Amino acid sequence: MSWELPLALMVGLILLAMGIGLPVAFAFFLTNIVCIYLFFGGLVGVSQMVANFPSAVAVYALTPMPLFLIMGSLFFRSGLAAGVFGAIDLCIGNLRARLSYLVVLAGAVFAALSGSSLANTAMMGTAMVPDMLRRGYKPHMAYGPVLGAGGLAVIIPPSALAVLIGSLAQVNVGALLVAGAIPGLLLALSYMLLITLQARLDPQAAPHYDAPRSTLREKLLAIARNVVPMGVIVFLVVGTILLGIASPTESAALGCLGVVSLLLAYRRFRWAIVWDSLRDAMKVTGMTFLIISASSTYAQVLAFTGASAGFIQWALSFDLSPYAVLIAIAGVVLVLGMFMDQVSMMLVTLPIFLPLATSLQMDLVWFCLILLLLFEVGFTTPPFGLLLFIMLGIAPPGTSLRTVAMAALPYIGCALLVIALVIAFPQLALWLPRML
């Protein structure tokens, strides 16, 4: 049997199922059942698929995911985020576009504490966008920084998406987590440079106003109370991995313990907060594990039918350089990002792209980080970027998708520039992991 038929059938079915609105997990289940029935002897193959589900999710590398989700949910639900906002606000001073800078700086901090771009964007948008618009900020100076900074949680550790892609790709999850630190900080820096350029080109886009002045003592006290303790949490999560003290699972548990300790210290601990955070994590983890169960069979069917091997041989027959192949992969992911969510893109493309990257002897940590950066761009690409719709829900009634998408475009450009830098200079991603 030619490899083109199973590949076309499997990719076509999954895209058709998602296109008609079927949930991601059920789209994979439907495609798996149809293809197993056709290629693997009917119901016997379907029974084997069901038997494989426990082994698909019983993976130690997935353990940090629910812990990171619990940590982020505790942080947001307890109100600790408000203290961080206030402390950073005091320190920025009387700059033009100060609220835009505040969003990016706070977004980088929250990214290191939440691991969720959706939560990051929703929290910052709700807290900042109404005040920015009230002070006369133009839409691109209000919506753009929130959309850009919200996506930082995909890259800056701890990232739940990095744990998922690391476990699926069977790469060192700890190495992949810390690999995102430098590119994530570069992204945040590029966003602040963009805000500076926009404010200089159009000073009225972010009208200047006199912010409340504070003494150096007040600033230092606010940092000591609100930011330094969060820095300890970041160290418990990222620093312990980097120093080899803890595995990703142990560091996630330390992060949860650290946040609970802060809740006790700030007298914000409530059992209701803990219960709501556990429920949040349970919902996301359950959904993710269901998708993983279905997608693992999808990858196995691709391999058993010869579709993966045939596609790799076909791609290698063009004798392209690894960089040319990587650019082609990036183009495919960017196009898919206009129509699909990140988990769907990951599960559809990984079974095809990972064997190709392995055959070209690419460093898989570097390759997976580039995919994460591309997925981050997909969060804000119209017409179906998830963060765009979150922003529409926060924006005043009558705000169009075009307005929000145009605000996101310069930040998409910054992300593409950072991706190009990581491709051209792999050490930006690999220097920290090689210190492990």
Protein backbone atom coordinates (compact mmCIF):
# COMPACT_ATOMS: atom_id res chain seq x y z
CA MET A 1 0.00 0.00 0.00
CA SER A 2 1.29 3.44 -0.94
CA TRP A 3 2.07 5.74 1.98
CA GLU A 4 0.23 8.68 0.40
CA LEU A 5 -3.23 7.14 0.91
CA PRO A 6 -3.11 6.63 4.71
CA LEU A 7 -1.38 10.00 5.21
CA ALA A 8 -3.95 11.87 3.13
CA LEU A 9 -6.84 10.00 4.77
CA MET A 10 -5.65 10.57 8.33
CA VAL A 11 -4.73 14.24 7.93
CA GLY A 12 -7.85 14.93 5.86
CA LEU A 13 -10.18 13.23 8.35
CA ILE A 14 -8.74 15.02 11.36
CA LEU A 15 -8.96 18.43 9.68
CA LEU A 16 -12.50 17.73 8.46
CA ALA A 17 -13.63 16.60 11.92
CA MET A 18 -12.17 19.70 13.58
CA GLY A 19 -13.55 21.89 10.81
CA ILE A 20 -17.14 20.80 11.48
CA GLY A 21 -16.70 21.63 15.17
CA LEU A 22 -16.00 18.22 16.68
CA PRO A 23 -13.95 18.50 19.92
CA VAL A 24 -10.26 17.74 19.45
CA ALA A 25 -10.23 14.46 21.40
CA PHE A 26 -13.31 13.11 19.59
CA ALA A 27 -11.87 14.17 16.22
CA PHE A 28 -8.81 12.03 16.96
CA PHE A 29 -10.94 9.13 18.19
CA LEU A 30 -13.08 9.19 15.04
CA THR A 31 -10.04 9.30 12.76
CA ASN A 32 -8.34 6.50 14.68
CA ILE A 33 -11.37 4.21 14.59
CA VAL A 34 -11.95 4.72 10.86
CA CYS A 35 -8.28 4.17 9.93
CA ILE A 36 -7.74 1.23 12.30
CA TYR A 37 -10.87 -0.43 10.95
CA LEU A 38 -9.62 0.06 7.37
CA PHE A 39 -5.95 -0.81 7.83
CA PHE A 40 -5.74 -3.12 10.89
CA GLY A 41 -8.37 -5.79 10.65
CA GLY A 42 -11.52 -4.16 11.92
CA LEU A 43 -12.72 -4.34 15.53
CA VAL A 44 -9.64 -6.22 16.76
CA GLY A 45 -7.56 -3.14 16.04
CA VAL A 46 -10.06 -0.89 17.81
CA SER A 47 -9.88 -3.10 20.93
CA GLN A 48 -6.09 -2.80 20.87
CA MET A 49 -6.41 0.99 20.64
CA VAL A 50 -8.52 1.06 23.82
CA ALA A 51 -6.03 -1.23 25.59
CA ASN A 52 -3.21 1.21 24.77
CA PHE A 53 -4.86 4.22 26.47
CA PRO A 54 -3.49 3.68 30.02
CA SER A 55 0.12 3.45 28.80
CA ALA A 56 -0.32 6.68 26.81
CA VAL A 57 -0.99 8.80 29.90
CA ALA A 58 0.96 6.80 32.50
CA VAL A 59 4.06 8.85 31.66
CA TYR A 60 6.15 10.32 34.48
CA ALA A 61 7.08 13.34 32.33
CA LEU A 62 3.45 14.49 32.37
CA THR A 63 3.32 14.74 36.16
CA PRO A 64 4.45 18.40 36.38
CA MET A 65 1.53 19.60 34.24
CA PRO A 66 -1.26 19.43 36.85
CA LEU A 67 1.11 20.76 39.51
CA PHE A 68 2.01 23.80 37.39
CA LEU A 69 -1.69 24.38 36.72
CA ILE A 70 -2.47 24.22 40.45
CA MET A 71 0.36 26.65 41.19
CA GLY A 72 -0.84 29.19 38.63
CA SER A 73 -4.48 28.91 39.68
CA LEU A 74 -3.58 29.43 43.36
CA PHE A 75 -1.56 32.50 42.40
CA PHE A 76 -4.36 34.14 40.41
CA ARG A 77 -7.32 33.15 42.59
CA SER A 78 -5.66 34.29 45.82
CA GLY A 79 -5.10 37.87 44.66
CA LEU A 80 -1.30 37.72 44.95
CA ALA A 81 -1.13 39.03 41.37
CA ALA A 82 -2.54 42.41 42.45
CA GLY A 83 0.40 42.99 44.78
CA VAL A 84 2.90 42.27 41.99
CA PHE A 85 1.07 44.70 39.70
CA GLY A 86 1.18 47.42 42.32
CA ALA A 87 4.89 46.99 43.07
CA ILE A 88 5.92 47.06 39.39
CA ASP A 89 3.68 50.07 38.85
CA LEU A 90 5.48 51.99 41.60
CA CYS A 91 8.88 51.24 40.07
CA ILE A 92 8.17 52.23 36.47
CA GLY A 93 7.99 55.92 37.22
CA ASN A 94 6.54 58.68 35.06
CA LEU A 95 7.23 57.27 31.58
CA ARG A 96 5.05 57.81 28.55
CA ALA A 97 3.14 54.59 27.77
CA ARG A 98 3.91 53.45 31.31
CA LEU A 99 0.83 51.21 31.45
CA SER A 100 1.96 49.39 28.30
CA TYR A 101 5.37 48.80 29.88
CA LEU A 102 3.63 47.66 33.06
CA VAL A 103 1.64 45.05 31.13
CA VAL A 104 4.77 43.56 29.52
CA LEU A 105 6.81 43.50 32.74
CA ALA A 106 3.96 42.06 34.77
CA GLY A 107 3.21 39.58 31.99
CA ALA A 108 6.78 38.27 32.13
CA VAL A 109 6.51 37.82 35.91
CA PHE A 110 3.11 36.16 35.73
CA ALA A 111 4.31 33.88 32.91
CA ALA A 112 6.88 32.48 35.32
CA LEU A 113 4.15 31.83 37.87
CA SER A 114 1.17 30.60 35.88
CA GLY A 115 2.29 28.54 32.86
CA SER A 116 -0.98 29.43 31.09
CA SER A 117 -1.24 32.03 28.32
CA LEU A 118 -5.02 32.08 28.48
CA ALA A 119 -5.05 32.87 32.21
CA ASN A 120 -2.24 35.39 31.77
CA THR A 121 -4.08 37.30 29.03
CA ALA A 122 -7.46 37.22 30.76
CA MET A 123 -6.06 38.45 34.07
CA MET A 124 -3.96 41.30 32.62
CA GLY A 125 -6.63 42.32 30.13
CA THR A 126 -9.30 42.53 32.81
CA ALA A 127 -7.01 44.45 35.15
CA MET A 128 -5.41 46.88 32.69
CA VAL A 129 -7.33 47.41 29.43
CA PRO A 130 -10.28 49.41 30.89
CA ASP A 131 -7.90 51.81 32.67
CA MET A 132 -5.70 52.19 29.57
CA LEU A 133 -8.67 53.03 27.34
CA ARG A 134 -10.05 55.42 29.96
CA ARG A 135 -6.75 57.31 29.97
CA GLY A 136 -6.89 57.74 26.19
CA TYR A 137 -4.58 54.94 25.03
CA LYS A 138 -5.24 53.99 21.42
CA PRO A 139 -6.36 50.38 20.85
CA HIS A 140 -2.99 49.17 19.56
CA MET A 141 -1.26 50.47 22.71
CA ALA A 142 -3.84 48.85 25.00
CA TYR A 143 -4.64 45.53 23.33
CA GLY A 144 -1.25 44.82 21.73
CA PRO A 145 0.89 44.63 24.91
CA VAL A 146 -1.67 42.38 26.62
CA LEU A 147 -1.77 39.99 23.64
CA GLY A 148 2.01 39.93 23.34
CA ALA A 149 2.74 39.53 27.05
CA GLY A 150 -0.04 36.96 27.48
CA GLY A 151 1.70 34.60 25.07
CA LEU A 152 4.94 34.70 27.09
CA ALA A 153 3.58 31.92 29.31
CA VAL A 154 4.09 29.50 26.40
CA ILE A 155 7.85 30.14 26.47
CA ILE A 156 8.94 31.38 29.88
CA PRO A 157 9.16 28.44 32.30
CA PRO A 158 7.15 26.86 33.76
CA SER A 159 5.07 26.24 30.64
CA ALA A 160 2.35 23.59 30.68
CA LEU A 161 2.57 23.40 26.89
CA ALA A 162 6.33 22.75 27.13
CA VAL A 163 5.67 19.84 29.51
CA LEU A 164 3.15 18.41 27.04
CA ILE A 165 5.35 18.69 23.95
CA GLY A 166 8.37 17.43 25.88
CA SER A 167 6.55 14.32 27.04
CA LEU A 168 5.10 13.62 23.58
CA ALA A 169 8.47 14.14 21.89
CA GLN A 170 10.25 12.14 24.62
CA VAL A 171 12.84 14.84 25.22
CA ASN A 172 14.19 16.03 28.56
CA VAL A 173 11.31 18.11 29.96
CA GLY A 174 13.58 19.97 32.36
CA ALA A 175 15.93 20.95 29.54
CA LEU A 176 13.01 22.13 27.41
CA LEU A 177 11.57 24.20 30.27
CA VAL A 178 14.78 26.11 30.95
CA ALA A 179 15.50 26.44 27.20
CA GLY A 180 12.63 28.92 26.98
CA ALA A 181 14.06 31.35 29.53
CA ILE A 182 16.40 33.37 27.27
CA PRO A 183 14.08 33.47 24.20
CA GLY A 184 11.21 34.45 26.52
CA LEU A 185 13.19 37.35 27.97
CA LEU A 186 14.21 38.39 24.44
CA LEU A 187 10.53 38.44 23.50
CA ALA A 188 9.68 40.64 26.48
CA LEU A 189 12.58 42.99 25.64
CA SER A 190 11.50 43.21 21.99
CA TYR A 191 7.95 44.09 23.11
CA MET A 192 9.23 46.94 25.28
CA LEU A 193 11.39 48.26 22.41
CA LEU A 194 8.31 48.11 20.18
CA ILE A 195 6.28 50.11 22.72
CA THR A 196 9.07 52.72 22.88
CA LEU A 197 9.08 53.03 19.08
CA GLN A 198 5.29 53.27 18.86
CA ALA A 199 5.16 55.93 21.59
CA ARG A 200 7.80 58.04 19.85
CA LEU A 201 6.15 57.77 16.42
CA ASP A 202 2.73 58.67 17.82
CA PRO A 203 2.93 60.34 21.25
CA GLN A 204 -0.86 60.69 21.37
CA ALA A 205 -1.25 56.91 21.18
CA ALA A 206 -0.35 56.78 24.88
CA PRO A 207 -1.07 60.16 26.49
CA HIS A 208 1.25 61.16 29.29
CA TYR A 209 -0.21 61.61 32.74
CA ASP A 210 1.30 62.33 36.13
CA ALA A 211 1.55 59.07 38.03
CA PRO A 212 1.58 59.08 41.83
CA ARG A 213 5.12 59.67 43.02
CA SER A 214 6.73 57.39 45.57
CA THR A 215 9.96 57.47 47.50
CA LEU A 216 12.81 55.03 47.02
CA ARG A 217 11.96 53.49 50.38
CA GLU A 218 8.35 52.86 49.28
CA LYS A 219 9.53 51.25 46.05
CA LEU A 220 12.01 48.98 47.80
CA LEU A 221 9.41 48.02 50.38
CA ALA A 222 6.85 47.16 47.69
CA ILE A 223 9.41 45.03 45.83
CA ALA A 224 10.43 43.26 49.03
CA ARG A 225 6.83 42.52 49.96
CA ASN A 226 5.41 41.52 46.59
CA VAL A 227 8.07 40.77 43.96
CA VAL A 228 10.92 39.14 45.89
CA PRO A 229 8.69 36.35 47.29
CA MET A 230 7.55 35.62 43.72
CA GLY A 231 11.20 35.46 42.73
CA VAL A 232 11.64 32.74 45.33
CA ILE A 233 8.82 30.78 43.68
CA VAL A 234 10.51 31.18 40.28
CA PHE A 235 13.76 29.89 41.80
CA LEU A 236 11.97 26.90 43.31
CA VAL A 237 10.59 26.01 39.87
CA VAL A 238 13.35 26.99 37.44
CA GLY A 239 16.46 27.40 39.58
CA THR A 240 16.21 23.97 41.17
CA ILE A 241 16.01 22.36 37.71
CA LEU A 242 18.94 24.40 36.44
CA LEU A 243 21.09 23.55 39.46
CA GLY A 244 20.20 19.86 39.23
CA ILE A 245 18.61 19.89 42.69
CA ALA A 246 15.18 18.75 41.55
CA SER A 247 13.48 17.08 38.62
CA PRO A 248 10.65 18.95 36.82
CA THR A 249 8.08 17.05 38.89
CA GLU A 250 9.84 17.86 42.15
CA SER A 251 10.27 21.51 41.16
CA ALA A 252 6.54 21.76 40.33
CA ALA A 253 5.70 20.34 43.76
CA LEU A 254 8.11 22.84 45.36
CA GLY A 255 6.39 25.65 43.43
CA CYS A 256 2.98 24.59 44.75
CA LEU A 257 4.36 24.38 48.28
CA GLY A 258 5.92 27.82 47.90
CA VAL A 259 2.67 29.43 46.74
CA VAL A 260 0.74 27.81 49.61
CA SER A 261 3.39 29.14 52.02
CA LEU A 262 2.90 32.64 50.60
CA LEU A 263 -0.85 32.34 51.03
CA LEU A 264 -0.33 31.46 54.69
CA ALA A 265 2.21 34.26 55.17
CA TYR A 266 -0.08 36.86 53.56
CA ARG A 267 -3.13 35.44 55.39
CA ARG A 268 -4.88 34.71 52.09
CA PHE A 269 -5.20 30.97 52.55
CA ARG A 270 -8.76 29.71 52.08
CA TRP A 271 -9.85 26.15 51.53
CA ALA A 272 -12.26 27.44 48.88
CA ILE A 273 -9.29 28.78 46.89
CA VAL A 274 -7.51 25.44 47.15
CA TRP A 275 -10.62 23.55 46.05
CA ASP A 276 -11.23 25.87 43.09
CA SER A 277 -7.58 25.56 42.01
CA LEU A 278 -7.72 21.77 42.21
CA ARG A 279 -10.91 21.81 40.16
CA ASP A 280 -9.32 24.08 37.52
CA ALA A 281 -6.32 21.77 37.23
CA MET A 282 -8.51 18.67 37.12
CA LYS A 283 -10.57 20.00 34.21
CA VAL A 284 -7.57 20.97 32.08
CA THR A 285 -5.57 17.84 32.95
CA GLY A 286 -8.50 15.52 32.26
CA MET A 287 -9.11 17.11 28.88
CA THR A 288 -5.42 17.00 28.01
CA PHE A 289 -5.01 13.34 29.00
CA LEU A 290 -8.04 12.41 26.91
CA ILE A 291 -6.48 14.14 23.91
CA ILE A 292 -3.11 12.47 24.54
CA SER A 293 -4.77 9.05 24.68
CA ALA A 294 -6.31 9.62 21.28
CA SER A 295 -3.28 11.28 19.69
CA SER A 296 -0.84 8.54 20.74
CA THR A 297 -2.84 6.01 18.71
CA TYR A 298 -2.90 8.50 15.83
CA ALA A 299 0.91 8.57 15.82
CA GLN A 300 1.11 4.78 16.01
CA VAL A 301 -1.24 4.34 13.05
CA LEU A 302 0.81 6.82 11.02
CA ALA A 303 3.93 4.78 11.78
CA PHE A 304 2.39 1.32 11.20
CA THR A 305 0.89 2.24 7.84
CA GLY A 306 4.26 3.53 6.63
CA ALA A 307 2.91 7.07 6.22
CA SER A 308 5.56 8.62 8.50
CA ALA A 309 8.47 6.81 6.88
CA GLY A 310 7.15 7.52 3.38
CA PHE A 311 6.74 11.21 4.11
CA ILE A 312 10.27 11.44 5.54
CA GLN A 313 11.78 9.73 2.48
CA TRP A 314 9.79 12.02 0.20
CA ALA A 315 10.91 15.15 2.09
CA LEU A 316 14.56 14.05 2.12
CA SER A 317 14.48 13.31 -1.63
CA PHE A 318 14.54 17.07 -2.30
CA ASP A 319 18.02 17.24 -0.72
CA LEU A 320 17.16 20.41 1.18
CA SER A 321 19.29 21.74 3.99
CA PRO A 322 17.97 21.34 7.56
CA TYR A 323 17.34 25.09 7.71
CA ALA A 324 15.24 25.00 4.55
CA VAL A 325 13.19 22.13 5.98
CA LEU A 326 12.80 24.05 9.25
CA ILE A 327 11.54 27.13 7.39
CA ALA A 328 9.02 24.96 5.53
CA ILE A 329 7.85 23.43 8.83
CA ALA A 330 7.51 26.93 10.30
CA GLY A 331 5.37 27.98 7.34
CA VAL A 332 3.04 25.01 7.81
CA VAL A 333 2.65 25.67 11.55
CA LEU A 334 1.98 29.38 11.00
CA VAL A 335 -0.76 28.60 8.47
CA LEU A 336 -2.33 26.00 10.79
CA GLY A 337 -2.18 28.54 13.62
CA MET A 338 -4.70 30.69 11.76
CA PHE A 339 -7.34 27.97 12.06
CA MET A 340 -6.44 25.61 14.93
CA ASP A 341 -5.63 25.80 18.63
CA GLN A 342 -2.14 25.00 19.90
CA VAL A 343 -2.82 21.54 21.33
CA SER A 344 -4.53 20.45 18.10
CA MET A 345 -1.62 21.73 16.01
CA MET A 346 0.87 19.98 18.24
CA LEU A 347 -0.88 16.64 18.12
CA VAL A 348 -1.46 16.73 14.36
CA THR A 349 2.05 17.84 13.38
CA LEU A 350 4.36 16.15 15.92
CA PRO A 351 3.94 12.59 14.55
CA ILE A 352 5.03 13.90 11.14
CA PHE A 353 7.61 16.56 12.01
CA LEU A 354 9.49 14.82 14.84
CA PRO A 355 10.72 11.84 12.78
CA LEU A 356 11.76 14.29 10.07
CA ALA A 357 13.73 16.40 12.57
CA THR A 358 15.36 13.26 13.97
CA SER A 359 16.38 12.06 10.51
CA LEU A 360 18.00 15.46 9.86
CA GLN A 361 19.89 15.14 13.18
CA MET A 362 18.38 18.31 14.67
CA ASP A 363 18.66 18.87 18.40
CA LEU A 364 15.15 17.98 19.57
CA VAL A 365 15.17 20.43 22.50
CA TRP A 366 16.00 23.23 20.07
CA PHE A 367 13.44 21.97 17.55
CA CYS A 368 10.65 21.67 20.15
CA LEU A 369 11.40 25.17 21.46
CA ILE A 370 11.05 26.58 17.93
CA LEU A 371 7.70 24.79 17.66
CA LEU A 372 6.66 26.34 20.99
CA LEU A 373 7.56 29.80 19.70
CA LEU A 374 5.53 29.13 16.55
CA PHE A 375 2.60 27.93 18.66
CA GLU A 376 2.90 31.17 20.65
CA VAL A 377 2.47 33.12 17.40
CA GLY A 378 -0.59 30.98 16.64
CA PHE A 379 -2.28 32.30 19.78
CA THR A 380 -2.63 35.74 18.16
CA THR A 381 -2.95 35.02 14.41
CA PRO A 382 -6.34 35.84 12.93
CA PRO A 383 -8.97 34.70 12.28
CA PHE A 384 -9.09 32.11 15.10
CA GLY A 385 -6.29 32.99 17.53
CA LEU A 386 -7.55 32.13 21.02
CA LEU A 387 -6.07 35.23 22.66
CA LEU A 388 -7.85 37.46 20.13
CA PHE A 389 -11.21 36.14 21.31
CA ILE A 390 -10.25 36.55 24.96
CA MET A 391 -9.40 40.18 24.19
CA LEU A 392 -12.71 40.65 22.36
CA GLY A 393 -14.46 39.47 25.50
CA ILE A 394 -12.61 42.08 27.56
CA ALA A 395 -12.78 44.98 25.07
CA PRO A 396 -15.69 47.47 25.03
CA PRO A 397 -18.81 46.39 23.11
CA GLY A 398 -18.51 47.03 19.39
CA THR A 399 -14.76 46.33 19.20
CA SER A 400 -14.08 44.42 15.98
CA LEU A 401 -11.81 41.43 15.46
CA ARG A 402 -9.92 43.49 12.89
CA THR A 403 -9.04 46.13 15.52
CA VAL A 404 -7.71 43.54 17.93
CA ALA A 405 -5.84 41.64 15.17
CA MET A 406 -4.17 44.83 13.90
CA ALA A 407 -3.00 45.58 17.45
CA ALA A 408 -1.44 42.11 17.61
CA LEU A 409 0.42 42.27 14.26
CA PRO A 410 3.54 44.19 15.46
CA TYR A 411 3.91 41.74 18.34
CA ILE A 412 3.64 38.83 15.93
CA GLY A 413 6.48 40.48 14.00
CA CYS A 414 8.60 40.63 17.17
CA ALA A 415 7.94 36.93 17.82
CA LEU A 416 8.95 36.00 14.26
CA LEU A 417 12.17 37.99 14.71
CA VAL A 418 13.00 36.08 17.90
CA ILE A 419 12.25 32.78 16.11
CA ALA A 420 14.68 33.78 13.36
CA LEU A 421 17.33 34.59 15.99
CA VAL A 422 16.85 31.21 17.71
CA ILE A 423 17.14 29.42 14.36
CA ALA A 424 20.26 31.39 13.41
CA PHE A 425 21.84 31.16 16.88
CA PRO A 426 20.81 27.85 18.52
CA GLN A 427 22.85 28.69 21.63
CA LEU A 428 20.12 31.14 22.65
CA ALA A 429 18.00 28.08 23.36
CA LEU A 430 20.63 25.48 24.22
CA TRP A 431 23.05 27.35 26.49
CA LEU A 432 20.99 26.96 29.68
CA PRO A 433 19.97 23.32 29.05
CA ARG A 434 23.62 22.37 28.53
CA MET A 435 24.40 23.78 31.97
CA LEU A 436 22.08 21.18 33.53
